[in-house]
Amino acid sequence: MNRKILATLAFILLVGFIHAQDKFEMGLKAGFNSTSFNTAEDVSFNNNTFNNVKSDFKSGYILGAWSRFHLLGSLSLQPELYYSKKKRTY
């Protein structure tokens, strides 16, 4: 197991140092998200009516990875993959 982790880290470091032509880039992203919803109005959804909807402040996080492939001139392709955790109960 440790060999696999070490090999993966070594690969990531090597890819990071091989920037001779900058055809490929990659990175990580992390962030914070929050939700809050308050209304004194009635809210209707799927033929159901909810009165005085209130929601406390909830927080979560987002983690992701991205890569960028330079194609032609300033044209590039950047796929991204994210995981978002929101702490909300109903």
N, C-alpha and C. Protein backbone atom coordinates (compact mmCIF):
# COMPACT_ATOMS: atom_id res chain seq x y z
N MET A 1 0.82 -1.19 0.00
CA MET A 1 0.00 0.00 0.00
C MET A 1 0.86 1.26 0.00
N ASN A 2 1.89 1.27 0.83
CA ASN A 2 2.77 2.44 0.89
C ASN A 2 3.53 2.64 -0.41
N ARG A 3 3.87 1.56 -1.09
CA ARG A 3 4.57 1.68 -2.37
C ARG A 3 3.68 2.35 -3.42
N LYS A 4 2.39 2.01 -3.40
CA LYS A 4 1.46 2.62 -4.36
C LYS A 4 1.34 4.12 -4.10
N ILE A 5 1.24 4.50 -2.84
CA ILE A 5 1.13 5.92 -2.50
C ILE A 5 2.41 6.65 -2.89
N LEU A 6 3.55 6.06 -2.59
CA LEU A 6 4.83 6.68 -2.92
C LEU A 6 5.00 6.81 -4.44
N ALA A 7 4.60 5.77 -5.18
CA ALA A 7 4.70 5.82 -6.63
C ALA A 7 3.78 6.90 -7.21
N THR A 8 2.58 7.02 -6.66
CA THR A 8 1.64 8.04 -7.12
C THR A 8 2.18 9.44 -6.85
N LEU A 9 2.71 9.67 -5.66
CA LEU A 9 3.29 10.97 -5.34
C LEU A 9 4.48 11.29 -6.22
N ALA A 10 5.33 10.30 -6.48
CA ALA A 10 6.48 10.52 -7.35
C ALA A 10 6.03 10.88 -8.76
N PHE A 11 4.99 10.20 -9.25
CA PHE A 11 4.46 10.50 -10.58
C PHE A 11 3.93 11.93 -10.65
N ILE A 12 3.18 12.34 -9.63
CA ILE A 12 2.62 13.70 -9.61
C ILE A 12 3.74 14.73 -9.60
N LEU A 13 4.79 14.49 -8.81
CA LEU A 13 5.91 15.42 -8.76
C LEU A 13 6.64 15.49 -10.10
N LEU A 14 6.83 14.33 -10.74
CA LEU A 14 7.51 14.31 -12.03
C LEU A 14 6.70 15.05 -13.09
N VAL A 15 5.39 14.84 -13.10
CA VAL A 15 4.55 15.53 -14.07
C VAL A 15 4.61 17.03 -13.82
N GLY A 16 4.69 17.43 -12.56
CA GLY A 16 4.79 18.84 -12.22
C GLY A 16 6.06 19.49 -12.72
N PHE A 17 7.16 18.74 -12.78
CA PHE A 17 8.43 19.29 -13.23
C PHE A 17 8.62 19.23 -14.73
N ILE A 18 7.84 18.43 -15.43
CA ILE A 18 7.96 18.31 -16.88
C ILE A 18 7.04 19.35 -17.52
N HIS A 19 7.52 20.58 -17.64
CA HIS A 19 6.75 21.66 -18.24
C HIS A 19 7.50 22.26 -19.42
N ALA A 20 8.17 21.44 -20.19
CA ALA A 20 8.98 21.95 -21.28
C ALA A 20 8.12 22.70 -22.31
N GLN A 21 6.97 22.14 -22.65
CA GLN A 21 6.12 22.77 -23.65
C GLN A 21 4.77 23.20 -23.10
N ASP A 22 4.53 22.95 -21.83
CA ASP A 22 3.27 23.33 -21.19
C ASP A 22 2.04 22.84 -21.95
N LYS A 23 2.06 21.60 -22.40
CA LYS A 23 0.91 21.03 -23.10
C LYS A 23 -0.14 20.52 -22.11
N PHE A 24 0.27 20.27 -20.87
CA PHE A 24 -0.62 19.68 -19.88
C PHE A 24 -0.36 20.31 -18.51
N GLU A 25 -1.42 20.67 -17.82
CA GLU A 25 -1.32 21.19 -16.46
C GLU A 25 -2.38 20.50 -15.62
N MET A 26 -2.14 20.43 -14.31
CA MET A 26 -3.16 19.87 -13.42
C MET A 26 -3.03 20.51 -12.05
N GLY A 27 -4.10 20.42 -11.27
CA GLY A 27 -4.07 21.02 -9.95
C GLY A 27 -5.25 20.58 -9.10
N LEU A 28 -5.26 21.05 -7.88
CA LEU A 28 -6.31 20.74 -6.92
C LEU A 28 -7.04 22.02 -6.54
N LYS A 29 -8.30 21.87 -6.16
CA LYS A 29 -9.09 23.00 -5.69
C LYS A 29 -9.79 22.60 -4.40
N ALA A 30 -9.95 23.55 -3.52
CA ALA A 30 -10.69 23.33 -2.29
C ALA A 30 -11.44 24.60 -1.96
N GLY A 31 -12.56 24.45 -1.29
CA GLY A 31 -13.32 25.64 -0.96
C GLY A 31 -14.35 25.39 0.12
N PHE A 32 -15.11 26.42 0.39
CA PHE A 32 -16.11 26.44 1.45
C PHE A 32 -17.44 26.83 0.83
N ASN A 33 -18.53 26.16 1.22
CA ASN A 33 -19.84 26.59 0.75
C ASN A 33 -20.78 26.73 1.94
N SER A 34 -21.77 27.58 1.78
CA SER A 34 -22.73 27.81 2.87
C SER A 34 -24.13 27.97 2.30
N THR A 35 -25.13 27.63 3.11
CA THR A 35 -26.51 27.77 2.70
C THR A 35 -27.31 28.42 3.82
N SER A 36 -28.26 29.22 3.42
CA SER A 36 -29.19 29.83 4.35
C SER A 36 -30.41 30.26 3.55
N PHE A 37 -31.58 29.98 4.08
CA PHE A 37 -32.80 30.30 3.34
C PHE A 37 -33.86 30.76 4.34
N ASN A 38 -34.40 31.94 4.15
CA ASN A 38 -35.46 32.47 5.00
C ASN A 38 -36.48 33.18 4.13
N THR A 39 -37.75 32.98 4.44
CA THR A 39 -38.80 33.70 3.74
C THR A 39 -40.05 33.75 4.62
N ALA A 40 -40.74 34.86 4.57
CA ALA A 40 -42.01 34.98 5.28
C ALA A 40 -43.16 34.63 4.34
N GLU A 41 -42.86 34.45 3.07
CA GLU A 41 -43.86 34.11 2.07
C GLU A 41 -44.14 32.61 2.10
N ASP A 42 -45.28 32.23 1.56
CA ASP A 42 -45.58 30.81 1.40
C ASP A 42 -44.83 30.29 0.17
N VAL A 43 -44.30 29.10 0.28
CA VAL A 43 -43.54 28.49 -0.81
C VAL A 43 -44.32 27.28 -1.30
N SER A 44 -44.57 27.20 -2.60
CA SER A 44 -45.28 26.06 -3.19
C SER A 44 -44.32 25.26 -4.04
N PHE A 45 -44.40 23.94 -3.88
CA PHE A 45 -43.55 23.04 -4.65
C PHE A 45 -44.29 21.72 -4.82
N ASN A 46 -44.47 21.27 -6.05
CA ASN A 46 -45.18 20.02 -6.36
C ASN A 46 -46.54 19.95 -5.66
N ASN A 47 -47.33 20.99 -5.80
CA ASN A 47 -48.67 21.08 -5.21
C ASN A 47 -48.68 21.01 -3.69
N ASN A 48 -47.56 21.28 -3.03
CA ASN A 48 -47.48 21.36 -1.58
C ASN A 48 -47.11 22.79 -1.21
N THR A 49 -47.74 23.31 -0.17
CA THR A 49 -47.46 24.67 0.28
C THR A 49 -46.79 24.63 1.65
N PHE A 50 -45.70 25.37 1.78
CA PHE A 50 -44.96 25.44 3.03
C PHE A 50 -45.04 26.87 3.55
N ASN A 51 -45.36 27.03 4.83
CA ASN A 51 -45.54 28.36 5.43
C ASN A 51 -44.31 28.75 6.25
N ASN A 52 -43.91 30.03 6.14
CA ASN A 52 -42.82 30.59 6.93
C ASN A 52 -41.57 29.69 6.95
N VAL A 53 -41.05 29.43 5.79
CA VAL A 53 -39.89 28.55 5.66
C VAL A 53 -38.65 29.25 6.22
N LYS A 54 -37.94 28.57 7.12
CA LYS A 54 -36.71 29.12 7.69
C LYS A 54 -35.66 28.02 7.75
N SER A 55 -34.46 28.40 7.47
CA SER A 55 -33.35 27.45 7.49
C SER A 55 -32.17 28.11 8.19
N ASP A 56 -31.55 27.38 9.10
CA ASP A 56 -30.36 27.91 9.76
C ASP A 56 -29.17 27.86 8.81
N PHE A 57 -28.15 28.61 9.16
CA PHE A 57 -26.91 28.63 8.39
C PHE A 57 -26.25 27.26 8.45
N LYS A 58 -25.95 26.69 7.32
CA LYS A 58 -25.25 25.40 7.23
C LYS A 58 -24.01 25.60 6.37
N SER A 59 -22.96 24.90 6.70
CA SER A 59 -21.73 25.04 5.93
C SER A 59 -21.27 23.67 5.44
N GLY A 60 -20.41 23.69 4.46
CA GLY A 60 -19.87 22.47 3.89
C GLY A 60 -18.54 22.78 3.22
N TYR A 61 -18.07 21.83 2.44
CA TYR A 61 -16.80 22.01 1.76
C TYR A 61 -16.88 21.45 0.35
N ILE A 62 -15.92 21.84 -0.45
CA ILE A 62 -15.82 21.36 -1.82
C ILE A 62 -14.36 21.01 -2.10
N LEU A 63 -14.15 19.86 -2.71
CA LEU A 63 -12.82 19.39 -3.10
C LEU A 63 -12.85 19.03 -4.58
N GLY A 64 -11.76 19.27 -5.26
CA GLY A 64 -11.76 18.95 -6.67
C GLY A 64 -10.37 18.89 -7.28
N ALA A 65 -10.35 18.40 -8.49
CA ALA A 65 -9.12 18.31 -9.26
C ALA A 65 -9.42 18.80 -10.68
N TRP A 66 -8.43 19.39 -11.30
CA TRP A 66 -8.59 19.87 -12.67
C TRP A 66 -7.34 19.55 -13.47
N SER A 67 -7.53 19.52 -14.77
CA SER A 67 -6.39 19.38 -15.68
C SER A 67 -6.67 20.26 -16.89
N ARG A 68 -5.63 20.70 -17.53
CA ARG A 68 -5.77 21.58 -18.69
C ARG A 68 -4.90 21.05 -19.82
N PHE A 69 -5.51 20.84 -20.98
CA PHE A 69 -4.80 20.38 -22.17
C PHE A 69 -4.77 21.53 -23.17
N HIS A 70 -3.59 22.04 -23.47
CA HIS A 70 -3.46 23.12 -24.46
C HIS A 70 -3.52 22.50 -25.85
N LEU A 71 -4.43 22.99 -26.68
CA LEU A 71 -4.65 22.41 -28.00
C LEU A 71 -4.00 23.25 -29.10
N LEU A 72 -4.58 24.38 -29.42
CA LEU A 72 -4.06 25.24 -30.48
C LEU A 72 -4.02 26.68 -30.01
N GLY A 73 -2.88 27.30 -30.03
CA GLY A 73 -2.77 28.70 -29.62
C GLY A 73 -3.29 28.93 -28.22
N SER A 74 -4.33 29.74 -28.11
CA SER A 74 -4.92 30.00 -26.80
C SER A 74 -6.11 29.09 -26.51
N LEU A 75 -6.38 28.12 -27.36
CA LEU A 75 -7.48 27.18 -27.17
C LEU A 75 -7.01 26.03 -26.29
N SER A 76 -7.78 25.75 -25.24
CA SER A 76 -7.43 24.64 -24.35
C SER A 76 -8.70 23.97 -23.85
N LEU A 77 -8.56 22.77 -23.36
CA LEU A 77 -9.65 21.98 -22.79
C LEU A 77 -9.33 21.76 -21.32
N GLN A 78 -10.30 22.06 -20.42
CA GLN A 78 -10.05 21.95 -18.98
C GLN A 78 -11.16 21.14 -18.31
N PRO A 79 -11.02 19.81 -18.22
CA PRO A 79 -11.99 19.02 -17.46
C PRO A 79 -11.74 19.18 -15.95
N GLU A 80 -12.83 19.16 -15.18
CA GLU A 80 -12.74 19.31 -13.74
C GLU A 80 -13.66 18.30 -13.07
N LEU A 81 -13.28 17.83 -11.89
CA LEU A 81 -14.06 16.87 -11.12
C LEU A 81 -14.16 17.40 -9.70
N TYR A 82 -15.40 17.50 -9.18
CA TYR A 82 -15.61 18.07 -7.85
C TYR A 82 -16.45 17.16 -6.97
N TYR A 83 -16.20 17.24 -5.67
CA TYR A 83 -17.03 16.62 -4.65
C TYR A 83 -17.47 17.73 -3.71
N SER A 84 -18.77 17.85 -3.50
CA SER A 84 -19.29 18.91 -2.65
C SER A 84 -20.10 18.29 -1.52
N LYS A 85 -19.79 18.65 -0.30
CA LYS A 85 -20.51 18.16 0.88
C LYS A 85 -21.28 19.32 1.48
N LYS A 86 -22.61 19.20 1.48
CA LYS A 86 -23.47 20.21 2.09
C LYS A 86 -24.17 19.57 3.28
N LYS A 87 -24.15 20.24 4.39
CA LYS A 87 -24.75 19.70 5.61
C LYS A 87 -26.18 20.22 5.73
N ARG A 88 -27.10 19.51 5.13
CA ARG A 88 -28.49 19.94 5.16
C ARG A 88 -29.37 18.75 5.49
N THR A 89 -30.34 18.93 6.37
CA THR A 89 -31.31 17.89 6.69
C THR A 89 -32.70 18.42 6.41
N TYR A 90 -33.61 17.52 6.09
CA TYR A 90 -34.99 17.91 5.79
C TYR A 90 -35.93 17.22 6.75
